[in-house]
């Protein structure tokens, strides 16, 4: 595996391992792994907690890309939308990392042994009150991953350049208001050989944060996200 690890990607992994999310939701539980700041799932875990996998890999040109999915049209919620692999905590999950890796394996056949988890990011709280933990992992060898899509949950799998979520190109926005606070929802257009995807709202917000941490700079646009996405919950 070492031959597949570029020096730049290894340095990125080392730096991300030192990242500490500034968020009481992440830090209030006893860490299982102090180096990563990984949290054990509390005993009172219920369906209001989930984790997603921000899986990064390097393309042949040395650019970072992230794996995304399009949800199946038959799902009861967010059908047909672009999402990161992931889902709700299930009984037996030891921590948020295990939730994210298990869900990615179930949804797209991503063998967890291929992913090197390097950090977790600040939690996001969806409008329905579900706390979502973004787990960042590196796929050292993209060629070793042979997708096996669970068609009951996923319609397609694709990847996009991570840096696009810091750029103003191919981006649109729409302003909304909630309890007197005006916020912006971002829409990123991404074209593959076979389909055009729109990456927006919650998923876009997580990827803007991930890209900001990875590239160590803010986006080229104003990121006025909804305040309710940052509520702290147990």
C-alpha atoms as a PDB file:
ATOM      1  CA  UNK A   1       0.000   0.000   0.000  1.00  0.00           C
ATOM      2  CA  UNK A   2       2.885   2.403   0.688  1.00  0.00           C
ATOM      3  CA  UNK A   3       3.635   2.762  -3.031  1.00  0.00           C
ATOM      4  CA  UNK A   4       0.161   4.271  -3.531  1.00  0.00           C
ATOM      5  CA  UNK A   5       0.683   6.984  -0.924  1.00  0.00           C
ATOM      6  CA  UNK A   6       1.939  10.242  -2.343  1.00  0.00           C
ATOM      7  CA  UNK A   7       4.053  12.394  -0.075  1.00  0.00           C
ATOM      8  CA  UNK A   8       1.537  15.231  -0.291  1.00  0.00           C
ATOM      9  CA  UNK A   9      -1.362  12.980   0.704  1.00  0.00           C
ATOM     10  CA  UNK A  10       0.598  11.543   3.625  1.00  0.00           C
ATOM     11  CA  UNK A  11       1.419  15.042   4.870  1.00  0.00           C
ATOM     12  CA  UNK A  12      -2.257  15.976   4.601  1.00  0.00           C
ATOM     13  CA  UNK A  13      -3.209  12.922   6.659  1.00  0.00           C
ATOM     14  CA  UNK A  14      -0.668  13.835   9.328  1.00  0.00           C
ATOM     15  CA  UNK A  15      -1.983  17.385   9.531  1.00  0.00           C
ATOM     16  CA  UNK A  16      -5.633  16.377   9.673  1.00  0.00           C
ATOM     17  CA  UNK A  17      -4.936  13.981  12.550  1.00  0.00           C
ATOM     18  CA  UNK A  18      -4.036  17.045  14.616  1.00  0.00           C
ATOM     19  CA  UNK A  19      -7.291  18.852  13.803  1.00  0.00           C
ATOM     20  CA  UNK A  20      -9.574  19.432  16.789  1.00  0.00           C
ATOM     21  CA  UNK A  21     -13.187  20.393  16.085  1.00  0.00           C
ATOM     22  CA  UNK A  22     -14.313  23.396  18.110  1.00  0.00           C
ATOM     23  CA  UNK A  23     -17.703  22.098  19.080  1.00  0.00           C
ATOM     24  CA  UNK A  24     -19.106  21.044  22.452  1.00  0.00           C
ATOM     25  CA  UNK A  25     -21.227  18.355  20.821  1.00  0.00           C
ATOM     26  CA  UNK A  26     -18.085  16.595  19.589  1.00  0.00           C
ATOM     27  CA  UNK A  27     -16.059  17.060  22.753  1.00  0.00           C
ATOM     28  CA  UNK A  28     -18.540  16.312  25.502  1.00  0.00           C
ATOM     29  CA  UNK A  29     -18.275  12.521  25.277  1.00  0.00           C
ATOM     30  CA  UNK A  30     -15.296  10.476  26.466  1.00  0.00           C
ATOM     31  CA  UNK A  31     -12.955   9.919  23.494  1.00  0.00           C
ATOM     32  CA  UNK A  32     -12.261   6.363  22.417  1.00  0.00           C
ATOM     33  CA  UNK A  33      -9.172   7.492  20.518  1.00  0.00           C
ATOM     34  CA  UNK A  34      -7.524  10.616  21.932  1.00  0.00           C
ATOM     35  CA  UNK A  35      -5.438  11.214  18.817  1.00  0.00           C
ATOM     36  CA  UNK A  36      -8.465  11.533  16.535  1.00  0.00           C
ATOM     37  CA  UNK A  37     -10.868  12.901  19.109  1.00  0.00           C
ATOM     38  CA  UNK A  38     -13.221  10.018  18.305  1.00  0.00           C
ATOM     39  CA  UNK A  39     -16.289   9.754  20.490  1.00  0.00           C
ATOM     40  CA  UNK A  40     -17.910   6.687  21.893  1.00  0.00           C
ATOM     41  CA  UNK A  41     -21.628   6.494  21.246  1.00  0.00           C
ATOM     42  CA  UNK A  42     -23.391   7.426  24.497  1.00  0.00           C
ATOM     43  CA  UNK A  43     -25.659   4.834  26.079  1.00  0.00           C
ATOM     44  CA  UNK A  44     -28.768   6.910  25.405  1.00  0.00           C
ATOM     45  CA  UNK A  45     -28.117   7.057  21.647  1.00  0.00           C
ATOM     46  CA  UNK A  46     -31.288   7.185  19.595  1.00  0.00           C
ATOM     47  CA  UNK A  47     -32.279   7.888  16.008  1.00  0.00           C
ATOM     48  CA  UNK A  48     -31.267  11.552  16.381  1.00  0.00           C
ATOM     49  CA  UNK A  49     -27.579  10.858  15.704  1.00  0.00           C
ATOM     50  CA  UNK A  50     -25.879  10.017  12.404  1.00  0.00           C
ATOM     51  CA  UNK A  51     -22.462  10.062  10.743  1.00  0.00           C
ATOM     52  CA  UNK A  52     -21.322  10.603   7.156  1.00  0.00           C
ATOM     53  CA  UNK A  53     -18.032   9.721   5.476  1.00  0.00           C
ATOM     54  CA  UNK A  54     -16.081  12.445   3.678  1.00  0.00           C
ATOM     55  CA  UNK A  55     -13.881  10.017   1.729  1.00  0.00           C
ATOM     56  CA  UNK A  56     -10.980  11.706  -0.067  1.00  0.00           C
ATOM     57  CA  UNK A  57      -8.620  10.336  -2.689  1.00  0.00           C
ATOM     58  CA  UNK A  58      -6.058  11.687  -5.125  1.00  0.00           C
ATOM     59  CA  UNK A  59      -6.696  11.538  -8.869  1.00  0.00           C
ATOM     60  CA  UNK A  60      -3.874  10.878 -11.393  1.00  0.00           C
ATOM     61  CA  UNK A  61      -3.234  14.638 -11.630  1.00  0.00           C
ATOM     62  CA  UNK A  62      -2.743  14.894  -7.871  1.00  0.00           C
ATOM     63  CA  UNK A  63      -6.061  16.648  -7.177  1.00  0.00           C
ATOM     64  CA  UNK A  64      -8.177  15.721  -4.163  1.00  0.00           C
ATOM     65  CA  UNK A  65     -11.615  14.343  -4.910  1.00  0.00           C
ATOM     66  CA  UNK A  66     -14.501  13.291  -2.665  1.00  0.00           C
ATOM     67  CA  UNK A  67     -16.881  10.348  -3.102  1.00  0.00           C
ATOM     68  CA  UNK A  68     -20.589  11.196  -3.320  1.00  0.00           C
ATOM     69  CA  UNK A  69     -23.816   9.339  -3.983  1.00  0.00           C
ATOM     70  CA  UNK A  70     -27.197  10.075  -5.476  1.00  0.00           C
ATOM     71  CA  UNK A  71     -29.925   8.720  -3.240  1.00  0.00           C
ATOM     72  CA  UNK A  72     -32.433   6.274  -4.680  1.00  0.00           C
ATOM     73  CA  UNK A  73     -35.682   7.776  -5.960  1.00  0.00           C
ATOM     74  CA  UNK A  74     -37.679   5.273  -3.884  1.00  0.00           C
ATOM     75  CA  UNK A  75     -36.438   6.532  -0.503  1.00  0.00           C
ATOM     76  CA  UNK A  76     -38.985   8.245   1.723  1.00  0.00           C
ATOM     77  CA  UNK A  77     -36.771  11.250   2.484  1.00  0.00           C
ATOM     78  CA  UNK A  78     -34.414  13.297   0.302  1.00  0.00           C
ATOM     79  CA  UNK A  79     -35.004  10.926  -2.607  1.00  0.00           C
ATOM     80  CA  UNK A  80     -32.867  11.602  -5.668  1.00  0.00           C
ATOM     81  CA  UNK A  81     -30.639  14.077  -3.846  1.00  0.00           C
ATOM     82  CA  UNK A  82     -26.847  14.019  -3.674  1.00  0.00           C
ATOM     83  CA  UNK A  83     -25.435  12.887  -0.331  1.00  0.00           C
ATOM     84  CA  UNK A  84     -22.300  11.682   1.375  1.00  0.00           C
ATOM     85  CA  UNK A  85     -22.231   7.977   2.278  1.00  0.00           C
ATOM     86  CA  UNK A  86     -23.587   7.594   5.788  1.00  0.00           C
ATOM     87  CA  UNK A  87     -26.626   7.199   7.964  1.00  0.00           C
ATOM     88  CA  UNK A  88     -28.015   6.865  11.457  1.00  0.00           C
ATOM     89  CA  UNK A  89     -26.291   5.232  14.379  1.00  0.00           C
ATOM     90  CA  UNK A  90     -27.296   1.630  14.914  1.00  0.00           C
ATOM     91  CA  UNK A  91     -27.083  -0.546  18.010  1.00  0.00           C
ATOM     92  CA  UNK A  92     -23.609  -2.010  18.215  1.00  0.00           C
ATOM     93  CA  UNK A  93     -21.802   0.957  16.648  1.00  0.00           C
ATOM     94  CA  UNK A  94     -18.918   1.772  18.983  1.00  0.00           C
ATOM     95  CA  UNK A  95     -18.427   5.335  17.767  1.00  0.00           C
ATOM     96  CA  UNK A  96     -19.184   7.802  14.990  1.00  0.00           C
ATOM     97  CA  UNK A  97     -16.338   6.464  12.853  1.00  0.00           C
ATOM     98  CA  UNK A  98     -17.775   2.973  12.911  1.00  0.00           C
ATOM     99  CA  UNK A  99     -21.195   4.322  11.930  1.00  0.00           C
ATOM    100  CA  UNK A 100     -19.769   6.179   8.922  1.00  0.00           C
ATOM    101  CA  UNK A 101     -17.627   3.258   7.743  1.00  0.00           C
ATOM    102  CA  UNK A 102     -20.417   0.712   8.213  1.00  0.00           C
ATOM    103  CA  UNK A 103     -22.895   2.821   6.278  1.00  0.00           C
ATOM    104  CA  UNK A 104     -20.419   3.410   3.430  1.00  0.00           C
ATOM    105  CA  UNK A 105     -19.791  -0.322   3.217  1.00  0.00           C
ATOM    106  CA  UNK A 106     -23.509  -1.071   3.176  1.00  0.00           C
ATOM    107  CA  UNK A 107     -24.404   1.643   0.651  1.00  0.00           C
ATOM    108  CA  UNK A 108     -21.561   1.510  -1.891  1.00  0.00           C
ATOM    109  CA  UNK A 109     -19.451  -1.519  -0.954  1.00  0.00           C
ATOM    110  CA  UNK A 110     -16.513   0.543   0.316  1.00  0.00           C
ATOM    111  CA  UNK A 111     -14.374  -1.901   2.316  1.00  0.00           C
ATOM    112  CA  UNK A 112     -13.566  -0.113   5.560  1.00  0.00           C
ATOM    113  CA  UNK A 113     -10.033  -1.546   5.520  1.00  0.00           C
ATOM    114  CA  UNK A 114      -9.291   0.660   2.494  1.00  0.00           C
ATOM    115  CA  UNK A 115     -10.119   3.875   4.367  1.00  0.00           C
ATOM    116  CA  UNK A 116      -7.742   5.579   6.776  1.00  0.00           C
ATOM    117  CA  UNK A 117      -9.824   7.812   9.031  1.00  0.00           C
ATOM    118  CA  UNK A 118      -7.833  10.926   9.923  1.00  0.00           C
ATOM    119  CA  UNK A 119     -10.253  13.230  11.755  1.00  0.00           C
ATOM    120  CA  UNK A 120     -13.834  14.188  12.532  1.00  0.00           C
ATOM    121  CA  UNK A 121     -15.306  17.633  11.922  1.00  0.00           C
ATOM    122  CA  UNK A 122     -17.730  19.787  13.874  1.00  0.00           C
ATOM    123  CA  UNK A 123     -21.204  18.352  14.111  1.00  0.00           C
ATOM    124  CA  UNK A 124     -24.091  19.692  12.035  1.00  0.00           C
ATOM    125  CA  UNK A 125     -27.708  19.549  13.156  1.00  0.00           C
ATOM    126  CA  UNK A 126     -30.256  18.930  10.427  1.00  0.00           C
ATOM    127  CA  UNK A 127     -33.550  20.817  10.443  1.00  0.00           C
ATOM    128  CA  UNK A 128     -35.358  17.759  11.811  1.00  0.00           C
ATOM    129  CA  UNK A 129     -33.013  17.689  14.807  1.00  0.00           C
ATOM    130  CA  UNK A 130     -30.624  14.925  13.718  1.00  0.00           C
ATOM    131  CA  UNK A 131     -27.024  15.550  14.757  1.00  0.00           C
ATOM    132  CA  UNK A 132     -24.649  14.563  11.942  1.00  0.00           C
ATOM    133  CA  UNK A 133     -20.936  13.923  12.508  1.00  0.00           C
ATOM    134  CA  UNK A 134     -18.713  14.262   9.406  1.00  0.00           C
ATOM    135  CA  UNK A 135     -15.905  11.671   9.480  1.00  0.00           C
ATOM    136  CA  UNK A 136     -12.952  12.391   7.180  1.00  0.00           C
ATOM    137  CA  UNK A 137     -11.070   9.446   5.694  1.00  0.00           C
ATOM    138  CA  UNK A 138      -8.415   8.941   3.023  1.00  0.00           C
ATOM    139  CA  UNK A 139      -8.738   6.278   0.334  1.00  0.00           C
ATOM    140  CA  UNK A 140      -5.083   5.713  -0.505  1.00  0.00           C
ATOM    141  CA  UNK A 141      -5.710   3.521  -3.541  1.00  0.00           C
ATOM    142  CA  UNK A 142      -8.807   4.453  -5.571  1.00  0.00           C
ATOM    143  CA  UNK A 143      -8.232   1.494  -7.897  1.00  0.00           C
ATOM    144  CA  UNK A 144      -8.670  -0.912  -4.983  1.00  0.00           C
ATOM    145  CA  UNK A 145     -12.255   0.289  -4.503  1.00  0.00           C
ATOM    146  CA  UNK A 146     -14.758  -1.575  -6.669  1.00  0.00           C
ATOM    147  CA  UNK A 147     -18.160  -0.024  -5.924  1.00  0.00           C
ATOM    148  CA  UNK A 148     -21.036  -2.341  -5.109  1.00  0.00           C
ATOM    149  CA  UNK A 149     -24.140  -0.177  -4.995  1.00  0.00           C
ATOM    150  CA  UNK A 150     -27.070  -1.017  -2.743  1.00  0.00           C
ATOM    151  CA  UNK A 151     -29.818  -0.004  -5.179  1.00  0.00           C
ATOM    152  CA  UNK A 152     -32.395   0.184  -2.404  1.00  0.00           C
ATOM    153  CA  UNK A 153     -30.564   3.221  -1.054  1.00  0.00           C
ATOM    154  CA  UNK A 154     -28.279   4.526  -3.804  1.00  0.00           C
ATOM    155  CA  UNK A 155     -29.011   5.312  -7.462  1.00  0.00           C
ATOM    156  CA  UNK A 156     -25.439   6.166  -8.466  1.00  0.00           C
ATOM    157  CA  UNK A 157     -21.961   6.952  -7.163  1.00  0.00           C
ATOM    158  CA  UNK A 158     -19.599   9.643  -8.441  1.00  0.00           C
ATOM    159  CA  UNK A 159     -16.782  11.870  -7.265  1.00  0.00           C
ATOM    160  CA  UNK A 160     -16.083  15.589  -7.408  1.00  0.00           C
ATOM    161  CA  UNK A 161     -13.054  17.809  -6.800  1.00  0.00           C
ATOM    162  CA  UNK A 162     -12.998  18.895  -3.167  1.00  0.00           C
ATOM    163  CA  UNK A 163     -11.659  22.354  -3.956  1.00  0.00           C
ATOM    164  CA  UNK A 164     -14.763  23.207  -5.994  1.00  0.00           C
ATOM    165  CA  UNK A 165     -16.582  23.770  -2.698  1.00  0.00           C
ATOM    166  CA  UNK A 166     -14.369  26.788  -2.011  1.00  0.00           C
ATOM    167  CA  UNK A 167     -14.775  28.354  -5.441  1.00  0.00           C
ATOM    168  CA  UNK A 168     -17.468  30.650  -6.788  1.00  0.00           C
ATOM    169  CA  UNK A 169     -17.515  28.828 -10.124  1.00  0.00           C
ATOM    170  CA  UNK A 170     -20.486  26.566 -10.849  1.00  0.00           C
ATOM    171  CA  UNK A 171     -22.168  27.848  -7.681  1.00  0.00           C
ATOM    172  CA  UNK A 172     -25.560  29.366  -7.114  1.00  0.00           C
ATOM    173  CA  UNK A 173     -27.216  30.494  -3.920  1.00  0.00           C
ATOM    174  CA  UNK A 174     -30.659  31.225  -2.563  1.00  0.00           C
ATOM    175  CA  UNK A 175     -31.419  33.377   0.455  1.00  0.00           C
ATOM    176  CA  UNK A 176     -33.964  32.357   3.086  1.00  0.00           C
ATOM    177  CA  UNK A 177     -35.038  33.727   6.457  1.00  0.00           C
ATOM    178  CA  UNK A 178     -35.648  31.883   9.733  1.00  0.00           C
ATOM    179  CA  UNK A 179     -36.752  33.687  12.897  1.00  0.00           C
ATOM    180  CA  UNK A 180     -35.461  36.992  11.580  1.00  0.00           C
ATOM    181  CA  UNK A 181     -32.067  35.605  10.517  1.00  0.00           C
ATOM    182  CA  UNK A 182     -31.237  35.587   6.814  1.00  0.00           C
ATOM    183  CA  UNK A 183     -29.150  32.675   5.607  1.00  0.00           C
ATOM    184  CA  UNK A 184     -27.916  31.294   2.301  1.00  0.00           C
ATOM    185  CA  UNK A 185     -28.257  27.824   0.789  1.00  0.00           C
ATOM    186  CA  UNK A 186     -25.526  26.936  -1.723  1.00  0.00           C
ATOM    187  CA  UNK A 187     -25.989  24.912  -4.916  1.00  0.00           C
ATOM    188  CA  UNK A 188     -22.969  23.464  -6.750  1.00  0.00           C
ATOM    189  CA  UNK A 189     -23.386  22.135 -10.290  1.00  0.00           C
ATOM    190  CA  UNK A 190     -21.161  19.207 -11.227  1.00  0.00           C
ATOM    191  CA  UNK A 191     -21.059  17.469 -14.596  1.00  0.00           C
ATOM    192  CA  UNK A 192     -19.749  13.931 -15.142  1.00  0.00           C
ATOM    193  CA  UNK A 193     -19.594  11.996 -18.400  1.00  0.00           C
ATOM    194  CA  UNK A 194     -23.048  10.551 -17.843  1.00  0.00           C
ATOM    195  CA  UNK A 195     -25.016  12.916 -15.633  1.00  0.00           C
ATOM    196  CA  UNK A 196     -25.311  16.386 -14.155  1.00  0.00           C
ATOM    197  CA  UNK A 197     -25.532  16.579 -10.365  1.00  0.00           C
ATOM    198  CA  UNK A 198     -26.574  19.354  -8.014  1.00  0.00           C
ATOM    199  CA  UNK A 199     -24.825  19.270  -4.633  1.00  0.00           C
ATOM    200  CA  UNK A 200     -26.658  21.560  -2.285  1.00  0.00           C
ATOM    201  CA  UNK A 201     -27.886  22.496   1.190  1.00  0.00           C
ATOM    202  CA  UNK A 202     -26.696  20.244   4.039  1.00  0.00           C
ATOM    203  CA  UNK A 203     -24.272  18.160   1.976  1.00  0.00           C
ATOM    204  CA  UNK A 204     -22.773  21.273   0.388  1.00  0.00           C
ATOM    205  CA  UNK A 205     -22.315  22.862   3.821  1.00  0.00           C
ATOM    206  CA  UNK A 206     -20.396  19.848   5.132  1.00  0.00           C
ATOM    207  CA  UNK A 207     -18.167  19.845   2.048  1.00  0.00           C
ATOM    208  CA  UNK A 208     -17.515  23.594   2.320  1.00  0.00           C
ATOM    209  CA  UNK A 209     -16.340  22.991   5.884  1.00  0.00           C
ATOM    210  CA  UNK A 210     -14.258  19.959   4.893  1.00  0.00           C
ATOM    211  CA  UNK A 211     -12.609  21.848   2.026  1.00  0.00           C
ATOM    212  CA  UNK A 212     -11.875  24.829   4.291  1.00  0.00           C
ATOM    213  CA  UNK A 213     -10.117  22.544   6.790  1.00  0.00           C
ATOM    214  CA  UNK A 214      -8.194  20.615   4.131  1.00  0.00           C
ATOM    215  CA  UNK A 215      -7.049  23.659   2.142  1.00  0.00           C
ATOM    216  CA  UNK A 216      -6.720  25.880   5.216  1.00  0.00           C
ATOM    217  CA  UNK A 217      -8.620  28.800   3.729  1.00  0.00           C
ATOM    218  CA  UNK A 218     -12.182  30.146   3.691  1.00  0.00           C
ATOM    219  CA  UNK A 219     -14.418  29.900   0.618  1.00  0.00           C
ATOM    220  CA  UNK A 220     -14.395  32.602  -2.049  1.00  0.00           C
ATOM    221  CA  UNK A 221     -17.987  33.433  -1.140  1.00  0.00           C
ATOM    222  CA  UNK A 222     -19.877  34.324   2.027  1.00  0.00           C
ATOM    223  CA  UNK A 223     -21.039  31.242   3.908  1.00  0.00           C
ATOM    224  CA  UNK A 224     -24.082  32.357   5.888  1.00  0.00           C
ATOM    225  CA  UNK A 225     -25.424  28.957   6.832  1.00  0.00           C
ATOM    226  CA  UNK A 226     -28.639  28.463   8.865  1.00  0.00           C
ATOM    227  CA  UNK A 227     -28.061  28.836  12.595  1.00  0.00           C
ATOM    228  CA  UNK A 228     -30.111  25.722  13.291  1.00  0.00           C
ATOM    229  CA  UNK A 229     -27.467  23.623  11.514  1.00  0.00           C
ATOM    230  CA  UNK A 230     -25.090  24.422  14.371  1.00  0.00           C
ATOM    231  CA  UNK A 231     -27.263  23.644  17.364  1.00  0.00           C
ATOM    232  CA  UNK A 232     -25.595  21.482  19.986  1.00  0.00           C
ATOM    233  CA  UNK A 233     -27.460  18.303  20.914  1.00  0.00           C
ATOM    234  CA  UNK A 234     -26.677  15.218  22.961  1.00  0.00           C
END
